[in-house]
């Protein structure tokens, strides 16, 4: 993620997941090193959620579930 984004430590961006996919959940996971997810990562079918991803250190990010 650090290679794809030009962010300074302390900067963040908000994003939404809108799950329109039948009976399947959409799940935010920390599959890569340097990413931590705080709060529920699963977005149930036909619902949505808002997240904030913040750069906390060099090549280190935390994604927070804000709503949904």
PDB file of N, CA and C in Angstrom:
ATOM      1  N   UNK A   1       0.818  -1.171   0.000  1.00  0.00           N
ATOM      2  CA  UNK A   1       0.000   0.000   0.000  1.00  0.00           C
ATOM      3  C   UNK A   1       0.874   1.252   0.000  1.00  0.00           C
ATOM      4  N   UNK A   2       1.974   1.181   0.716  1.00  0.00           N
ATOM      5  CA  UNK A   2       2.861   2.340   0.808  1.00  0.00           C
ATOM      6  C   UNK A   2       3.423   2.718  -0.561  1.00  0.00           C
ATOM      7  N   UNK A   3       3.698   1.727  -1.396  1.00  0.00           N
ATOM      8  CA  UNK A   3       4.237   2.000  -2.732  1.00  0.00           C
ATOM      9  C   UNK A   3       3.195   2.637  -3.651  1.00  0.00           C
ATOM     10  N   UNK A   4       1.930   2.351  -3.412  1.00  0.00           N
ATOM     11  CA  UNK A   4       0.868   2.861  -4.283  1.00  0.00           C
ATOM     12  C   UNK A   4       0.373   4.251  -3.870  1.00  0.00           C
ATOM     13  N   UNK A   5       0.579   4.617  -2.615  1.00  0.00           N
ATOM     14  CA  UNK A   5       0.056   5.888  -2.107  1.00  0.00           C
ATOM     15  C   UNK A   5       1.190   6.804  -1.679  1.00  0.00           C
ATOM     16  N   UNK A   6       1.054   8.061  -1.973  1.00  0.00           N
ATOM     17  CA  UNK A   6       2.027   9.045  -1.504  1.00  0.00           C
ATOM     18  C   UNK A   6       1.397   9.791  -0.331  1.00  0.00           C
ATOM     19  N   UNK A   7       1.558   9.221   0.854  1.00  0.00           N
ATOM     20  CA  UNK A   7       0.961   9.796   2.061  1.00  0.00           C
ATOM     21  C   UNK A   7       2.044  10.064   3.094  1.00  0.00           C
ATOM     22  N   UNK A   8       1.844  11.121   3.849  1.00  0.00           N
ATOM     23  CA  UNK A   8       2.715  11.414   4.978  1.00  0.00           C
ATOM     24  C   UNK A   8       2.167  10.710   6.216  1.00  0.00           C
ATOM     25  N   UNK A   9       3.008  10.458   7.185  1.00  0.00           N
ATOM     26  CA  UNK A   9       2.568   9.869   8.444  1.00  0.00           C
ATOM     27  C   UNK A   9       1.526  10.796   9.072  1.00  0.00           C
ATOM     28  N   UNK A  10       0.406  10.220   9.508  1.00  0.00           N
ATOM     29  CA  UNK A  10      -0.694  10.980  10.099  1.00  0.00           C
ATOM     30  C   UNK A  10      -1.812  11.303   9.124  1.00  0.00           C
ATOM     31  N   UNK A  11      -1.564  11.182   7.826  1.00  0.00           N
ATOM     32  CA  UNK A  11      -2.617  11.425   6.838  1.00  0.00           C
ATOM     33  C   UNK A  11      -3.531  10.210   6.738  1.00  0.00           C
ATOM     34  N   UNK A  12      -4.767  10.470   6.324  1.00  0.00           N
ATOM     35  CA  UNK A  12      -5.739   9.380   6.190  1.00  0.00           C
ATOM     36  C   UNK A  12      -6.688   9.667   5.038  1.00  0.00           C
ATOM     37  N   UNK A  13      -7.421   8.639   4.658  1.00  0.00           N
ATOM     38  CA  UNK A  13      -8.482   8.807   3.669  1.00  0.00           C
ATOM     39  C   UNK A  13      -9.653   7.926   4.067  1.00  0.00           C
ATOM     40  N   UNK A  14     -10.853   8.388   3.781  1.00  0.00           N
ATOM     41  CA  UNK A  14     -12.072   7.635   4.060  1.00  0.00           C
ATOM     42  C   UNK A  14     -12.539   6.955   2.788  1.00  0.00           C
ATOM     43  N   UNK A  15     -13.131   5.780   2.956  1.00  0.00           N
ATOM     44  CA  UNK A  15     -13.638   5.051   1.811  1.00  0.00           C
ATOM     45  C   UNK A  15     -14.823   4.205   2.244  1.00  0.00           C
ATOM     46  N   UNK A  16     -15.656   3.843   1.294  1.00  0.00           N
ATOM     47  CA  UNK A  16     -16.862   3.065   1.573  1.00  0.00           C
ATOM     48  C   UNK A  16     -16.845   1.761   0.801  1.00  0.00           C
ATOM     49  N   UNK A  17     -17.409   0.744   1.417  1.00  0.00           N
ATOM     50  CA  UNK A  17     -17.644  -0.536   0.752  1.00  0.00           C
ATOM     51  C   UNK A  17     -19.156  -0.710   0.665  1.00  0.00           C
ATOM     52  N   UNK A  18     -19.668  -0.845  -0.538  1.00  0.00           N
ATOM     53  CA  UNK A  18     -21.099  -1.051  -0.766  1.00  0.00           C
ATOM     54  C   UNK A  18     -21.248  -2.450  -1.345  1.00  0.00           C
ATOM     55  N   UNK A  19     -21.826  -3.337  -0.559  1.00  0.00           N
ATOM     56  CA  UNK A  19     -21.915  -4.734  -0.950  1.00  0.00           C
ATOM     57  C   UNK A  19     -23.271  -5.017  -1.586  1.00  0.00           C
ATOM     58  N   UNK A  20     -23.264  -5.181  -2.871  1.00  0.00           N
ATOM     59  CA  UNK A  20     -24.500  -5.494  -3.605  1.00  0.00           C
ATOM     60  C   UNK A  20     -24.530  -6.949  -4.036  1.00  0.00           C
ATOM     61  N   UNK A  21     -23.566  -7.740  -3.575  1.00  0.00           N
ATOM     62  CA  UNK A  21     -23.350  -9.091  -4.091  1.00  0.00           C
ATOM     63  C   UNK A  21     -24.129 -10.207  -3.435  1.00  0.00           C
ATOM     64  N   UNK A  22     -25.366 -10.349  -3.756  1.00  0.00           N
ATOM     65  CA  UNK A  22     -26.141 -11.529  -3.349  1.00  0.00           C
ATOM     66  C   UNK A  22     -26.023 -11.863  -1.883  1.00  0.00           C
ATOM     67  N   UNK A  23     -25.622 -13.104  -1.571  1.00  0.00           N
ATOM     68  CA  UNK A  23     -25.554 -13.560  -0.182  1.00  0.00           C
ATOM     69  C   UNK A  23     -24.136 -13.550   0.377  1.00  0.00           C
ATOM     70  N   UNK A  24     -23.188 -12.991  -0.351  1.00  0.00           N
ATOM     71  CA  UNK A  24     -21.790 -13.028   0.084  1.00  0.00           C
ATOM     72  C   UNK A  24     -21.388 -11.776   0.846  1.00  0.00           C
ATOM     73  N   UNK A  25     -20.577 -11.957   1.900  1.00  0.00           N
ATOM     74  CA  UNK A  25     -20.033 -10.823   2.646  1.00  0.00           C
ATOM     75  C   UNK A  25     -18.768 -10.321   1.955  1.00  0.00           C
ATOM     76  N   UNK A  26     -18.499  -9.050   2.113  1.00  0.00           N
ATOM     77  CA  UNK A  26     -17.250  -8.427   1.666  1.00  0.00           C
ATOM     78  C   UNK A  26     -16.433  -8.241   2.938  1.00  0.00           C
ATOM     79  N   UNK A  27     -15.194  -8.674   2.966  1.00  0.00           N
ATOM     80  CA  UNK A  27     -14.417  -8.600   4.197  1.00  0.00           C
ATOM     81  C   UNK A  27     -13.101  -7.873   3.970  1.00  0.00           C
ATOM     82  N   UNK A  28     -12.840  -6.886   4.806  1.00  0.00           N
ATOM     83  CA  UNK A  28     -11.567  -6.167   4.816  1.00  0.00           C
ATOM     84  C   UNK A  28     -10.636  -6.951   5.739  1.00  0.00           C
ATOM     85  N   UNK A  29      -9.489  -7.360   5.229  1.00  0.00           N
ATOM     86  CA  UNK A  29      -8.544  -8.129   6.039  1.00  0.00           C
ATOM     87  C   UNK A  29      -7.162  -7.503   5.977  1.00  0.00           C
ATOM     88  N   UNK A  30      -6.350  -7.852   6.937  1.00  0.00           N
ATOM     89  CA  UNK A  30      -4.965  -7.396   6.980  1.00  0.00           C
ATOM     90  C   UNK A  30      -4.084  -8.474   6.356  1.00  0.00           C
ATOM     91  N   UNK A  31      -4.281  -8.723   5.071  1.00  0.00           N
ATOM     92  CA  UNK A  31      -3.560  -9.793   4.385  1.00  0.00           C
ATOM     93  C   UNK A  31      -2.080  -9.462   4.197  1.00  0.00           C
ATOM     94  N   UNK A  32      -1.754  -8.202   4.125  1.00  0.00           N
ATOM     95  CA  UNK A  32      -0.362  -7.794   3.928  1.00  0.00           C
ATOM     96  C   UNK A  32       0.229  -7.301   5.250  1.00  0.00           C
ATOM     97  N   UNK A  33       1.536  -7.430   5.390  1.00  0.00           N
ATOM     98  CA  UNK A  33       2.173  -6.899   6.591  1.00  0.00           C
ATOM     99  C   UNK A  33       2.108  -5.378   6.551  1.00  0.00           C
ATOM    100  N   UNK A  34       2.027  -4.774   7.701  1.00  0.00           N
ATOM    101  CA  UNK A  34       1.964  -3.323   7.775  1.00  0.00           C
ATOM    102  C   UNK A  34       0.566  -2.757   7.770  1.00  0.00           C
ATOM    103  N   UNK A  35      -0.458  -3.615   7.786  1.00  0.00           N
ATOM    104  CA  UNK A  35      -1.842  -3.154   7.822  1.00  0.00           C
ATOM    105  C   UNK A  35      -2.562  -3.826   8.977  1.00  0.00           C
ATOM    106  N   UNK A  36      -3.248  -3.028   9.792  1.00  0.00           N
ATOM    107  CA  UNK A  36      -4.063  -3.523  10.897  1.00  0.00           C
ATOM    108  C   UNK A  36      -5.480  -3.051  10.678  1.00  0.00           C
ATOM    109  N   UNK A  37      -6.458  -3.912  10.930  1.00  0.00           N
ATOM    110  CA  UNK A  37      -7.867  -3.547  10.820  1.00  0.00           C
ATOM    111  C   UNK A  37      -8.449  -3.482  12.228  1.00  0.00           C
ATOM    112  N   UNK A  38      -9.091  -2.349  12.553  1.00  0.00           N
ATOM    113  CA  UNK A  38      -9.718  -2.154  13.854  1.00  0.00           C
ATOM    114  C   UNK A  38     -11.225  -2.134  13.651  1.00  0.00           C
ATOM    115  N   UNK A  39     -11.934  -3.004  14.347  1.00  0.00           N
ATOM    116  CA  UNK A  39     -13.380  -3.109  14.190  1.00  0.00           C
ATOM    117  C   UNK A  39     -13.723  -4.231  13.232  1.00  0.00           C
ATOM    118  N   UNK A  40     -15.002  -4.436  13.034  1.00  0.00           N
ATOM    119  CA  UNK A  40     -15.477  -5.516  12.169  1.00  0.00           C
ATOM    120  C   UNK A  40     -15.117  -5.227  10.726  1.00  0.00           C
ATOM    121  N   UNK A  41     -14.481  -6.184  10.089  1.00  0.00           N
ATOM    122  CA  UNK A  41     -14.107  -6.020   8.691  1.00  0.00           C
ATOM    123  C   UNK A  41     -15.150  -6.528   7.714  1.00  0.00           C
ATOM    124  N   UNK A  42     -16.088  -7.321   8.209  1.00  0.00           N
ATOM    125  CA  UNK A  42     -17.093  -7.917   7.319  1.00  0.00           C
ATOM    126  C   UNK A  42     -18.220  -6.931   7.036  1.00  0.00           C
ATOM    127  N   UNK A  43     -18.579  -6.829   5.774  1.00  0.00           N
ATOM    128  CA  UNK A  43     -19.719  -6.018   5.330  1.00  0.00           C
ATOM    129  C   UNK A  43     -20.736  -7.001   4.766  1.00  0.00           C
ATOM    130  N   UNK A  44     -21.840  -7.187   5.479  1.00  0.00           N
ATOM    131  CA  UNK A  44     -22.842  -8.173   5.088  1.00  0.00           C
ATOM    132  C   UNK A  44     -23.445  -7.836   3.728  1.00  0.00           C
ATOM    133  N   UNK A  45     -24.009  -8.848   3.097  1.00  0.00           N
ATOM    134  CA  UNK A  45     -24.657  -8.667   1.796  1.00  0.00           C
ATOM    135  C   UNK A  45     -25.735  -7.599   1.883  1.00  0.00           C
ATOM    136  N   UNK A  46     -25.846  -6.810   0.868  1.00  0.00           N
ATOM    137  CA  UNK A  46     -26.820  -5.716   0.702  1.00  0.00           C
ATOM    138  C   UNK A  46     -26.723  -4.649   1.792  1.00  0.00           C
ATOM    139  N   UNK A  47     -25.526  -4.475   2.370  1.00  0.00           N
ATOM    140  CA  UNK A  47     -25.288  -3.391   3.318  1.00  0.00           C
ATOM    141  C   UNK A  47     -24.039  -2.625   2.883  1.00  0.00           C
ATOM    142  N   UNK A  48     -23.674  -1.620   3.650  1.00  0.00           N
ATOM    143  CA  UNK A  48     -22.471  -0.848   3.345  1.00  0.00           C
ATOM    144  C   UNK A  48     -21.768  -0.477   4.639  1.00  0.00           C
ATOM    145  N   UNK A  49     -20.538  -0.029   4.517  1.00  0.00           N
ATOM    146  CA  UNK A  49     -19.762   0.411   5.677  1.00  0.00           C
ATOM    147  C   UNK A  49     -18.782   1.484   5.232  1.00  0.00           C
ATOM    148  N   UNK A  50     -18.411   2.341   6.179  1.00  0.00           N
ATOM    149  CA  UNK A  50     -17.439   3.396   5.920  1.00  0.00           C
ATOM    150  C   UNK A  50     -16.191   3.096   6.738  1.00  0.00           C
ATOM    151  N   UNK A  51     -15.036   3.241   6.100  1.00  0.00           N
ATOM    152  CA  UNK A  51     -13.758   2.961   6.735  1.00  0.00           C
ATOM    153  C   UNK A  51     -12.839   4.173   6.604  1.00  0.00           C
ATOM    154  N   UNK A  52     -11.866   4.255   7.496  1.00  0.00           N
ATOM    155  CA  UNK A  52     -10.793   5.256   7.397  1.00  0.00           C
ATOM    156  C   UNK A  52      -9.468   4.522   7.478  1.00  0.00           C
ATOM    157  N   UNK A  53      -8.592   4.777   6.520  1.00  0.00           N
ATOM    158  CA  UNK A  53      -7.257   4.194   6.529  1.00  0.00           C
ATOM    159  C   UNK A  53      -6.264   5.312   6.812  1.00  0.00           C
ATOM    160  N   UNK A  54      -5.432   5.088   7.829  1.00  0.00           N
ATOM    161  CA  UNK A  54      -4.493   6.118   8.293  1.00  0.00           C
ATOM    162  C   UNK A  54      -3.079   5.564   8.285  1.00  0.00           C
ATOM    163  N   UNK A  55      -2.148   6.376   7.794  1.00  0.00           N
ATOM    164  CA  UNK A  55      -0.735   5.990   7.830  1.00  0.00           C
ATOM    165  C   UNK A  55      -0.188   6.369   9.195  1.00  0.00           C
ATOM    166  N   UNK A  56       0.283   5.368   9.952  1.00  0.00           N
ATOM    167  CA  UNK A  56       0.739   5.613  11.319  1.00  0.00           C
ATOM    168  C   UNK A  56       2.251   5.634  11.462  1.00  0.00           C
ATOM    169  N   UNK A  57       2.968   5.075  10.499  1.00  0.00           N
ATOM    170  CA  UNK A  57       4.437   5.061  10.497  1.00  0.00           C
ATOM    171  C   UNK A  57       4.876   4.679   9.084  1.00  0.00           C
ATOM    172  N   UNK A  58       6.168   4.620   8.860  1.00  0.00           N
ATOM    173  CA  UNK A  58       6.672   4.237   7.532  1.00  0.00           C
ATOM    174  C   UNK A  58       6.152   2.847   7.167  1.00  0.00           C
ATOM    175  N   UNK A  59       5.470   2.734   6.042  1.00  0.00           N
ATOM    176  CA  UNK A  59       4.916   1.471   5.535  1.00  0.00           C
ATOM    177  C   UNK A  59       3.981   0.786   6.530  1.00  0.00           C
ATOM    178  N   UNK A  60       3.293   1.581   7.367  1.00  0.00           N
ATOM    179  CA  UNK A  60       2.380   1.039   8.378  1.00  0.00           C
ATOM    180  C   UNK A  60       1.064   1.798   8.328  1.00  0.00           C
ATOM    181  N   UNK A  61      -0.038   1.044   8.207  1.00  0.00           N
ATOM    182  CA  UNK A  61      -1.363   1.632   8.087  1.00  0.00           C
ATOM    183  C   UNK A  61      -2.330   0.950   9.051  1.00  0.00           C
ATOM    184  N   UNK A  62      -3.346   1.710   9.501  1.00  0.00           N
ATOM    185  CA  UNK A  62      -4.423   1.166  10.302  1.00  0.00           C
ATOM    186  C   UNK A  62      -5.728   1.547   9.616  1.00  0.00           C
ATOM    187  N   UNK A  63      -6.605   0.571   9.418  1.00  0.00           N
ATOM    188  CA  UNK A  63      -7.926   0.823   8.850  1.00  0.00           C
ATOM    189  C   UNK A  63      -8.954   0.654   9.952  1.00  0.00           C
ATOM    190  N   UNK A  64      -9.752   1.702  10.171  1.00  0.00           N
ATOM    191  CA  UNK A  64     -10.784   1.719  11.212  1.00  0.00           C
ATOM    192  C   UNK A  64     -12.159   1.644  10.549  1.00  0.00           C
ATOM    193  N   UNK A  65     -13.042   0.857  11.117  1.00  0.00           N
ATOM    194  CA  UNK A  65     -14.438   0.868  10.653  1.00  0.00           C
ATOM    195  C   UNK A  65     -15.129   2.008  11.388  1.00  0.00           C
ATOM    196  N   UNK A  66     -15.692   2.943  10.625  1.00  0.00           N
ATOM    197  CA  UNK A  66     -16.328   4.115  11.215  1.00  0.00           C
ATOM    198  C   UNK A  66     -17.831   3.954  11.363  1.00  0.00           C
ATOM    199  N   UNK A  67     -18.469   3.312  10.407  1.00  0.00           N
ATOM    200  CA  UNK A  67     -19.938   3.205  10.419  1.00  0.00           C
ATOM    201  C   UNK A  67     -20.368   2.042   9.537  1.00  0.00           C
ATOM    202  N   UNK A  68     -21.569   1.577   9.811  1.00  0.00           N
ATOM    203  CA  UNK A  68     -22.148   0.534   8.956  1.00  0.00           C
ATOM    204  C   UNK A  68     -22.212  -0.796   9.609  1.00  0.00           C
TER     205      UNK A  68
END
